[in-house]
PDB file of N, CA and C in Angstrom:
ATOM      1  N   MET A   1      98.483 118.182 106.387  1.00  0.00           N
ATOM      2  CA  MET A   1      97.716 119.341 106.765  1.00  0.00           C
ATOM      3  C   MET A   1      98.524 120.615 106.482  1.00  0.00           C
ATOM      4  N   ALA A   2      99.822 120.557 106.735  1.00  0.00           N
ATOM      5  CA  ALA A   2     100.668 121.735 106.494  1.00  0.00           C
ATOM      6  C   ALA A   2     100.619 122.125 105.019  1.00  0.00           C
ATOM      7  N   ARG A   3     100.678 121.157 104.145  1.00  0.00           N
ATOM      8  CA  ARG A   3     100.621 121.446 102.705  1.00  0.00           C
ATOM      9  C   ARG A   3      99.272 122.053 102.334  1.00  0.00           C
ATOM     10  N   ALA A   4      98.199 121.510 102.857  1.00  0.00           N
ATOM     11  CA  ALA A   4      96.859 122.014 102.548  1.00  0.00           C
ATOM     12  C   ALA A   4      96.688 123.454 103.005  1.00  0.00           C
ATOM     13  N   CYS A   5      97.390 123.818 104.072  1.00  0.00           N
ATOM     14  CA  CYS A   5      97.309 125.182 104.606  1.00  0.00           C
ATOM     15  C   CYS A   5      98.328 126.119 103.969  1.00  0.00           C
ATOM     16  N   GLY A   6      99.156 125.604 103.074  1.00  0.00           N
ATOM     17  CA  GLY A   6     100.154 126.432 102.413  1.00  0.00           C
ATOM     18  C   GLY A   6     101.400 126.678 103.236  1.00  0.00           C
ATOM     19  N   ASN A   7     101.597 125.905 104.294  1.00  0.00           N
ATOM     20  CA  ASN A   7     102.803 126.028 105.111  1.00  0.00           C
ATOM     21  C   ASN A   7     103.859 125.094 104.505  1.00  0.00           C
ATOM     22  N   TRP A   8     104.472 125.564 103.424  1.00  0.00           N
ATOM     23  CA  TRP A   8     105.357 124.736 102.616  1.00  0.00           C
ATOM     24  C   TRP A   8     106.577 124.263 103.385  1.00  0.00           C
ATOM     25  N   GLN A   9     107.160 125.125 104.193  1.00  0.00           N
ATOM     26  CA  GLN A   9     108.350 124.741 104.953  1.00  0.00           C
ATOM     27  C   GLN A   9     108.024 123.602 105.924  1.00  0.00           C
ATOM     28  N   ALA A  10     106.932 123.750 106.662  1.00  0.00           N
ATOM     29  CA  ALA A  10     106.541 122.692 107.602  1.00  0.00           C
ATOM     30  C   ALA A  10     106.209 121.406 106.846  1.00  0.00           C
ATOM     31  N   ALA A  11     105.555 121.527 105.708  1.00  0.00           N
ATOM     32  CA  ALA A  11     105.216 120.338 104.922  1.00  0.00           C
ATOM     33  C   ALA A  11     106.479 119.597 104.496  1.00  0.00           C
ATOM     34  N   ARG A  12     107.478 120.348 104.052  1.00  0.00           N
ATOM     35  CA  ARG A  12     108.744 119.704 103.659  1.00  0.00           C
ATOM     36  C   ARG A  12     109.427 119.058 104.861  1.00  0.00           C
ATOM     37  N   GLU A  13     109.416 119.738 105.994  1.00  0.00           N
ATOM     38  CA  GLU A  13     110.049 119.180 107.199  1.00  0.00           C
ATOM     39  C   GLU A  13     109.367 117.886 107.637  1.00  0.00           C
ATOM     40  N   PHE A  14     108.039 117.868 107.641  1.00  0.00           N
ATOM     41  CA  PHE A  14     107.322 116.650 108.004  1.00  0.00           C
ATOM     42  C   PHE A  14     107.635 115.530 107.012  1.00  0.00           C
ATOM     43  N   SER A  15     107.659 115.872 105.742  1.00  0.00           N
ATOM     44  CA  SER A  15     107.974 114.896 104.710  1.00  0.00           C
ATOM     45  C   SER A  15     109.380 114.328 104.908  1.00  0.00           C
ATOM     46  N   ASP A  16     110.338 115.209 105.122  1.00  0.00           N
ATOM     47  CA  ASP A  16     111.720 114.762 105.330  1.00  0.00           C
ATOM     48  C   ASP A  16     111.829 113.844 106.542  1.00  0.00           C
ATOM     49  N   ARG A  17     111.133 114.193 107.606  1.00  0.00           N
ATOM     50  CA  ARG A  17     111.157 113.332 108.800  1.00  0.00           C
ATOM     51  C   ARG A  17     110.550 111.975 108.498  1.00  0.00           C
ATOM     52  N   GLY A  18     109.496 111.962 107.707  1.00  0.00           N
ATOM     53  CA  GLY A  18     108.879 110.692 107.334  1.00  0.00           C
ATOM     54  C   GLY A  18     109.815 109.814 106.526  1.00  0.00           C
ATOM     55  N   PHE A  19     110.560 110.428 105.610  1.00  0.00           N
ATOM     56  CA  PHE A  19     111.509 109.651 104.810  1.00  0.00           C
ATOM     57  C   PHE A  19     112.594 109.038 105.687  1.00  0.00           C
ATOM     58  N   VAL A  20     113.056 109.786 106.673  1.00  0.00           N
ATOM     59  CA  VAL A  20     114.107 109.281 107.568  1.00  0.00           C
ATOM     60  C   VAL A  20     113.565 108.151 108.442  1.00  0.00           C
ATOM     61  N   GLY A  21     112.331 108.284 108.906  1.00  0.00           N
ATOM     62  CA  GLY A  21     111.764 107.309 109.835  1.00  0.00           C
ATOM     63  C   GLY A  21     111.150 106.085 109.179  1.00  0.00           C
ATOM     64  N   SER A  22     111.035 106.094 107.859  1.00  0.00           N
ATOM     65  CA  SER A  22     110.402 104.976 107.175  1.00  0.00           C
ATOM     66  C   SER A  22     111.437 103.918 106.815  1.00  0.00           C
ATOM     67  N   PRO A  23     111.125 102.649 107.068  1.00  0.00           N
ATOM     68  CA  PRO A  23     112.086 101.590 106.755  1.00  0.00           C
ATOM     69  C   PRO A  23     112.290 101.375 105.256  1.00  0.00           C
ATOM     70  N   ARG A  24     111.370 101.856 104.442  1.00  0.00           N
ATOM     71  CA  ARG A  24     111.493 101.762 102.981  1.00  0.00           C
ATOM     72  C   ARG A  24     110.851 103.010 102.386  1.00  0.00           C
ATOM     73  N   GLU A  25     111.000 103.169 101.086  1.00  0.00           N
ATOM     74  CA  GLU A  25     110.375 104.308 100.425  1.00  0.00           C
ATOM     75  C   GLU A  25     108.860 104.196 100.581  1.00  0.00           C
ATOM     76  N   GLU A  26     108.274 105.141 101.237  1.00  0.00           N
ATOM     77  CA  GLU A  26     106.845 105.138 101.509  1.00  0.00           C
ATOM     78  C   GLU A  26     106.103 105.877 100.395  1.00  0.00           C
ATOM     79  N   PRO A  27     105.257 105.168  99.632  1.00  0.00           N
ATOM     80  CA  PRO A  27     104.599 105.805  98.500  1.00  0.00           C
ATOM     81  C   PRO A  27     103.713 106.993  98.882  1.00  0.00           C
ATOM     82  N   ARG A  28     103.057 106.941 100.028  1.00  0.00           N
ATOM     83  CA  ARG A  28     102.197 108.071 100.426  1.00  0.00           C
ATOM     84  C   ARG A  28     103.009 109.331 100.625  1.00  0.00           C
ATOM     85  N   LEU A  29     104.181 109.202 101.232  1.00  0.00           N
ATOM     86  CA  LEU A  29     105.057 110.361 101.410  1.00  0.00           C
ATOM     87  C   LEU A  29     105.568 110.865 100.064  1.00  0.00           C
ATOM     88  N   LEU A  30     105.908 109.945  99.186  1.00  0.00           N
ATOM     89  CA  LEU A  30     106.416 110.337  97.871  1.00  0.00           C
ATOM     90  C   LEU A  30     105.351 111.079  97.066  1.00  0.00           C
ATOM     91  N   VAL A  31     104.129 110.581  97.081  1.00  0.00           N
ATOM     92  CA  VAL A  31     103.047 111.240  96.345  1.00  0.00           C
ATOM     93  C   VAL A  31     102.871 112.666  96.834  1.00  0.00           C
ATOM     94  N   ASP A  32     102.795 112.830  98.137  1.00  0.00           N
ATOM     95  CA  ASP A  32     102.598 114.165  98.695  1.00  0.00           C
ATOM     96  C   ASP A  32     103.734 115.101  98.302  1.00  0.00           C
ATOM     97  N   ARG A  33     104.959 114.599  98.349  1.00  0.00           N
ATOM     98  CA  ARG A  33     106.109 115.442  98.020  1.00  0.00           C
ATOM     99  C   ARG A  33     106.163 115.767  96.535  1.00  0.00           C
ATOM    100  N   VAL A  34     105.822 114.799  95.681  1.00  0.00           N
ATOM    101  CA  VAL A  34     105.767 115.069  94.239  1.00  0.00           C
ATOM    102  C   VAL A  34     104.775 116.192  93.972  1.00  0.00           C
ATOM    103  N   LEU A  35     103.580 116.062  94.495  1.00  0.00           N
ATOM    104  CA  LEU A  35     102.541 117.056  94.253  1.00  0.00           C
ATOM    105  C   LEU A  35     102.950 118.421  94.785  1.00  0.00           C
ATOM    106  N   GLN A  36     103.525 118.451  95.970  1.00  0.00           N
ATOM    107  CA  GLN A  36     103.946 119.720  96.561  1.00  0.00           C
ATOM    108  C   GLN A  36     104.994 120.417  95.705  1.00  0.00           C
ATOM    109  N   GLU A  37     105.999 119.691  95.295  1.00  0.00           N
ATOM    110  CA  GLU A  37     107.075 120.311  94.522  1.00  0.00           C
ATOM    111  C   GLU A  37     106.561 120.837  93.184  1.00  0.00           C
ATOM    112  N   TYR A  38     105.707 120.079  92.523  1.00  0.00           N
ATOM    113  CA  TYR A  38     105.146 120.561  91.260  1.00  0.00           C
ATOM    114  C   TYR A  38     104.242 121.769  91.477  1.00  0.00           C
ATOM    115  N   GLU A  39     103.448 121.755  92.538  1.00  0.00           N
ATOM    116  CA  GLU A  39     102.578 122.891  92.830  1.00  0.00           C
ATOM    117  C   GLU A  39     103.377 124.164  93.072  1.00  0.00           C
ATOM    118  N   LEU A  40     104.563 124.011  93.624  1.00  0.00           N
ATOM    119  CA  LEU A  40     105.423 125.167  93.903  1.00  0.00           C
ATOM    120  C   LEU A  40     106.288 125.561  92.705  1.00  0.00           C
ATOM    121  N   GLY A  41     106.156 124.825  91.611  1.00  0.00           N
ATOM    122  CA  GLY A  41     106.949 125.135  90.427  1.00  0.00           C
ATOM    123  C   GLY A  41     108.355 124.580  90.475  1.00  0.00           C
ATOM    124  N   GLU A  42     108.641 123.741  91.445  1.00  0.00           N
ATOM    125  CA  GLU A  42     109.949 123.103  91.581  1.00  0.00           C
ATOM    126  C   GLU A  42     109.937 121.803  90.782  1.00  0.00           C
ATOM    127  N   PHE A  43     109.901 121.942  89.450  1.00  0.00           N
ATOM    128  CA  PHE A  43     109.722 120.785  88.587  1.00  0.00           C
ATOM    129  C   PHE A  43     110.874 119.790  88.677  1.00  0.00           C
ATOM    130  N   GLY A  44     112.083 120.261  88.854  1.00  0.00           N
ATOM    131  CA  GLY A  44     113.226 119.358  88.981  1.00  0.00           C
ATOM    132  C   GLY A  44     113.106 118.484  90.214  1.00  0.00           C
ATOM    133  N   GLN A  45     112.745 119.098  91.329  1.00  0.00           N
ATOM    134  CA  GLN A  45     112.556 118.343  92.576  1.00  0.00           C
ATOM    135  C   GLN A  45     111.370 117.399  92.441  1.00  0.00           C
ATOM    136  N   GLY A  46     110.283 117.895  91.843  1.00  0.00           N
ATOM    137  CA  GLY A  46     109.114 117.047  91.655  1.00  0.00           C
ATOM    138  C   GLY A  46     109.436 115.829  90.809  1.00  0.00           C
ATOM    139  N   ALA A  47     110.214 116.046  89.755  1.00  0.00           N
ATOM    140  CA  ALA A  47     110.599 114.936  88.878  1.00  0.00           C
ATOM    141  C   ALA A  47     111.459 113.916  89.626  1.00  0.00           C
ATOM    142  N   ALA A  48     112.328 114.397  90.510  1.00  0.00           N
ATOM    143  CA  ALA A  48     113.179 113.481  91.287  1.00  0.00           C
ATOM    144  C   ALA A  48     112.334 112.607  92.209  1.00  0.00           C
ATOM    145  N   TYR A  49     111.347 113.200  92.852  1.00  0.00           N
ATOM    146  CA  TYR A  49     110.470 112.405  93.725  1.00  0.00           C
ATOM    147  C   TYR A  49     109.571 111.486  92.905  1.00  0.00           C
ATOM    148  N   LEU A  50     109.158 111.927  91.718  1.00  0.00           N
ATOM    149  CA  LEU A  50     108.365 111.074  90.852  1.00  0.00           C
ATOM    150  C   LEU A  50     109.175 109.857  90.403  1.00  0.00           C
ATOM    151  N   GLU A  51     110.440 110.056  90.118  1.00  0.00           N
ATOM    152  CA  GLU A  51     111.309 108.923  89.757  1.00  0.00           C
ATOM    153  C   GLU A  51     111.395 107.928  90.914  1.00  0.00           C
ATOM    154  N   ARG A  52     111.479 108.440  92.130  1.00  0.00           N
ATOM    155  CA  ARG A  52     111.509 107.545  93.302  1.00  0.00           C
ATOM    156  C   ARG A  52     110.207 106.764  93.406  1.00  0.00           C
ATOM    157  N   LEU A  53     109.080 107.435  93.135  1.00  0.00           N
ATOM    158  CA  LEU A  53     107.782 106.754  93.169  1.00  0.00           C
ATOM    159  C   LEU A  53     107.698 105.700  92.068  1.00  0.00           C
ATOM    160  N   LEU A  54     108.222 106.011  90.892  1.00  0.00           N
ATOM    161  CA  LEU A  54     108.262 105.018  89.808  1.00  0.00           C
ATOM    162  C   LEU A  54     109.070 103.793  90.223  1.00  0.00           C
ATOM    163  N   LYS A  55     110.201 104.012  90.875  1.00  0.00           N
ATOM    164  CA  LYS A  55     111.049 102.902  91.329  1.00  0.00           C
ATOM    165  C   LYS A  55     110.308 102.023  92.340  1.00  0.00           C
ATOM    166  N   VAL A  56     109.650 102.663  93.302  1.00  0.00           N
ATOM    167  CA  VAL A  56     108.891 101.913  94.314  1.00  0.00           C
ATOM    168  C   VAL A  56     107.803 101.082  93.630  1.00  0.00           C
ATOM    169  N   THR A  57     107.142 101.677  92.653  1.00  0.00           N
ATOM    170  CA  THR A  57     106.065 100.982  91.949  1.00  0.00           C
ATOM    171  C   THR A  57     106.608  99.789  91.182  1.00  0.00           C
ATOM    172  N   ARG A  58     107.744  99.952  90.533  1.00  0.00           N
ATOM    173  CA  ARG A  58     108.336  98.840  89.774  1.00  0.00           C
ATOM    174  C   ARG A  58     108.745  97.690  90.690  1.00  0.00           C
ATOM    175  N   LEU A  59     109.061  97.994  91.933  1.00  0.00           N
ATOM    176  CA  LEU A  59     109.473  96.960  92.885  1.00  0.00           C
ATOM    177  C   LEU A  59     108.291  96.291  93.579  1.00  0.00           C
ATOM    178  N   SER A  60     107.097  96.851  93.404  1.00  0.00           N
ATOM    179  CA  SER A  60     105.923  96.270  94.068  1.00  0.00           C
ATOM    180  C   SER A  60     105.479  95.012  93.322  1.00  0.00           C
ATOM    181  N   PRO A  61     104.733  94.144  94.005  1.00  0.00           N
ATOM    182  CA  PRO A  61     104.273  92.910  93.359  1.00  0.00           C
ATOM    183  C   PRO A  61     103.363  93.211  92.173  1.00  0.00           C
ATOM    184  N   PRO A  62     103.250  92.286  91.231  1.00  0.00           N
ATOM    185  CA  PRO A  62     102.366  92.502  90.082  1.00  0.00           C
ATOM    186  C   PRO A  62     100.909  92.618  90.525  1.00  0.00           C
ATOM    187  N   GLY A  63     100.129  93.233  89.673  1.00  0.00           N
ATOM    188  CA  GLY A  63      98.696  93.342  89.952  1.00  0.00           C
ATOM    189  C   GLY A  63      98.337  94.688  90.553  1.00  0.00           C
ATOM    190  N   ALA A  64      97.127  94.761  91.043  1.00  0.00           N
ATOM    191  CA  ALA A  64      96.615  96.005  91.625  1.00  0.00           C
ATOM    192  C   ALA A  64      97.257  96.240  92.990  1.00  0.00           C
ATOM    193  N   THR A  65      98.039  97.297  93.088  1.00  0.00           N
ATOM    194  CA  THR A  65      98.685  97.639  94.353  1.00  0.00           C
ATOM    195  C   THR A  65      98.453  99.116  94.662  1.00  0.00           C
ATOM    196  N   VAL A  66      98.638  99.461  95.891  1.00  0.00           N
ATOM    197  CA  VAL A  66      98.520 100.851  96.320  1.00  0.00           C
ATOM    198  C   VAL A  66      99.509 101.719  95.540  1.00  0.00           C
ATOM    199  N   GLU A  67     100.703 101.211  95.337  1.00  0.00           N
ATOM    200  CA  GLU A  67     101.725 101.966  94.615  1.00  0.00           C
ATOM    201  C   GLU A  67     101.253 102.343  93.210  1.00  0.00           C
ATOM    202  N   ARG A  68     100.618 101.407  92.514  1.00  0.00           N
ATOM    203  CA  ARG A  68     100.162 101.681  91.151  1.00  0.00           C
ATOM    204  C   ARG A  68      99.015 102.702  91.129  1.00  0.00           C
ATOM    205  N   VAL A  69      98.122 102.595  92.086  1.00  0.00           N
ATOM    206  CA  VAL A  69      97.032 103.571  92.180  1.00  0.00           C
ATOM    207  C   VAL A  69      97.597 104.957  92.458  1.00  0.00           C
ATOM    208  N   PHE A  70      98.513 105.050  93.406  1.00  0.00           N
ATOM    209  CA  PHE A  70      99.127 106.336  93.735  1.00  0.00           C
ATOM    210  C   PHE A  70      99.886 106.913  92.548  1.00  0.00           C
ATOM    211  N   LEU A  71     100.621 106.072  91.846  1.00  0.00           N
ATOM    212  CA  LEU A  71     101.396 106.537  90.700  1.00  0.00           C
ATOM    213  C   LEU A  71     100.481 107.100  89.613  1.00  0.00           C
ATOM    214  N   ALA A  72      99.434 106.363  89.263  1.00  0.00           N
ATOM    215  CA  ALA A  72      98.515 106.827  88.221  1.00  0.00           C
ATOM    216  C   ALA A  72      97.872 108.151  88.617  1.00  0.00           C
ATOM    217  N   GLY A  73      97.397 108.255  89.832  1.00  0.00           N
ATOM    218  CA  GLY A  73      96.771 109.495  90.295  1.00  0.00           C
ATOM    219  C   GLY A  73      97.730 110.661  90.332  1.00  0.00           C
ATOM    220  N   THR A  74      98.952 110.407  90.717  1.00  0.00           N
ATOM    221  CA  THR A  74      99.960 111.465  90.790  1.00  0.00           C
ATOM    222  C   THR A  74     100.308 111.984  89.404  1.00  0.00           C
ATOM    223  N   ILE A  75     100.449 111.094  88.457  1.00  0.00           N
ATOM    224  CA  ILE A  75     100.753 111.501  87.086  1.00  0.00           C
ATOM    225  C   ILE A  75      99.629 112.373  86.535  1.00  0.00           C
ATOM    226  N   LEU A  76      98.395 111.964  86.767  1.00  0.00           N
ATOM    227  CA  LEU A  76      97.259 112.747  86.267  1.00  0.00           C
ATOM    228  C   LEU A  76      97.152 114.099  86.968  1.00  0.00           C
ATOM    229  N   ALA A  77      97.386 114.136  88.267  1.00  0.00           N
ATOM    230  CA  ALA A  77      97.349 115.403  89.007  1.00  0.00           C
ATOM    231  C   ALA A  77      98.451 116.341  88.523  1.00  0.00           C
ATOM    232  N   ASN A  78      99.623 115.793  88.243  1.00  0.00           N
ATOM    233  CA  ASN A  78     100.721 116.628  87.743  1.00  0.00           C
ATOM    234  C   ASN A  78     100.415 117.201  86.374  1.00  0.00           C
ATOM    235  N   ALA A  79      99.765 116.432  85.540  1.00  0.00           N
ATOM    236  CA  ALA A  79      99.390 116.934  84.215  1.00  0.00           C
ATOM    237  C   ALA A  79      98.429 118.110  84.359  1.00  0.00           C
ATOM    238  N   ARG A  80      97.542 118.009  85.301  1.00  0.00           N
ATOM    239  CA  ARG A  80      96.595 119.114  85.536  1.00  0.00           C
ATOM    240  C   ARG A  80      97.319 120.341  86.076  1.00  0.00           C
ATOM    241  N   THR A  81      98.250 120.140  86.991  1.00  0.00           N
ATOM    242  CA  THR A  81      98.987 121.249  87.593  1.00  0.00           C
ATOM    243  C   THR A  81      99.903 121.933  86.586  1.00  0.00           C
ATOM    244  N   THR A  82     100.611 121.136  85.799  1.00  0.00           N
ATOM    245  CA  THR A  82     101.640 121.689  84.917  1.00  0.00           C
ATOM    246  C   THR A  82     101.142 121.988  83.508  1.00  0.00           C
ATOM    247  N   GLY A  83     100.060 121.343  83.115  1.00  0.00           N
ATOM    248  CA  GLY A  83      99.602 121.481  81.735  1.00  0.00           C
ATOM    249  C   GLY A  83     100.412 120.649  80.764  1.00  0.00           C
ATOM    250  N   VAL A  84     101.278 119.781  81.279  1.00  0.00           N
ATOM    251  CA  VAL A  84     102.132 118.926  80.455  1.00  0.00           C
ATOM    252  C   VAL A  84     101.698 117.476  80.641  1.00  0.00           C
ATOM    253  N   ALA A  85     101.424 116.822  79.539  1.00  0.00           N
ATOM    254  CA  ALA A  85     100.948 115.441  79.576  1.00  0.00           C
ATOM    255  C   ALA A  85     102.126 114.483  79.441  1.00  0.00           C
ATOM    256  N   ASN A  86     102.806 114.230  80.540  1.00  0.00           N
ATOM    257  CA  ASN A  86     103.924 113.276  80.570  1.00  0.00           C
ATOM    258  C   ASN A  86     103.491 111.994  81.262  1.00  0.00           C
ATOM    259  N   PHE A  87     104.078 110.901  80.871  1.00  0.00           N
ATOM    260  CA  PHE A  87     103.915 109.614  81.548  1.00  0.00           C
ATOM    261  C   PHE A  87     102.501 109.048  81.491  1.00  0.00           C
ATOM    262  N   PHE A  88     101.672 109.520  80.541  1.00  0.00           N
ATOM    263  CA  PHE A  88     100.323 108.982  80.480  1.00  0.00           C
ATOM    264  C   PHE A  88     100.311 107.481  80.215  1.00  0.00           C
ATOM    265  N   GLU A  89     101.251 107.006  79.393  1.00  0.00           N
ATOM    266  CA  GLU A  89     101.302 105.562  79.123  1.00  0.00           C
ATOM    267  C   GLU A  89     101.655 104.797  80.397  1.00  0.00           C
ATOM    268  N   VAL A  90     102.469 105.383  81.255  1.00  0.00           N
ATOM    269  CA  VAL A  90     102.811 104.746  82.544  1.00  0.00           C
ATOM    270  C   VAL A  90     101.582 104.738  83.440  1.00  0.00           C
ATOM    271  N   ALA A  91     100.849 105.839  83.478  1.00  0.00           N
ATOM    272  CA  ALA A  91      99.631 105.908  84.290  1.00  0.00           C
ATOM    273  C   ALA A  91      98.609 104.886  83.815  1.00  0.00           C
ATOM    274  N   GLN A  92      98.448 104.761  82.504  1.00  0.00           N
ATOM    275  CA  GLN A  92      97.499 103.815  81.947  1.00  0.00           C
ATOM    276  C   GLN A  92      97.900 102.376  82.303  1.00  0.00           C
ATOM    277  N   GLU A  93      99.195 102.100  82.197  1.00  0.00           N
ATOM    278  CA  GLU A  93      99.682 100.755  82.543  1.00  0.00           C
ATOM    279  C   GLU A  93      99.467 100.459  84.029  1.00  0.00           C
ATOM    280  N   ALA A  94      99.700 101.460  84.867  1.00  0.00           N
ATOM    281  CA  ALA A  94      99.527 101.295  86.321  1.00  0.00           C
ATOM    282  C   ALA A  94      98.079 101.004  86.649  1.00  0.00           C
TER     283      ALA A  94
END
């Protein structure tokens, strides 16, 4: 909700708390953070969180998983935000 309202600092704080409290890399938190960082023009940070999401996806079981759906959607949303078509082959595979 903080991100939707443009309260970027609160959104980052909630995200950081979620990462600390999660027993493993949580894809929902990663997706939100990737999108937020790219929306703010923090492409380096966004790329770092996207790499974490890619790692989580690679570790997930084969087949249709939440991680793969989130990864594909995040890649497509980032292309729309940035105007750069990166990782489309990864999105298609996911």
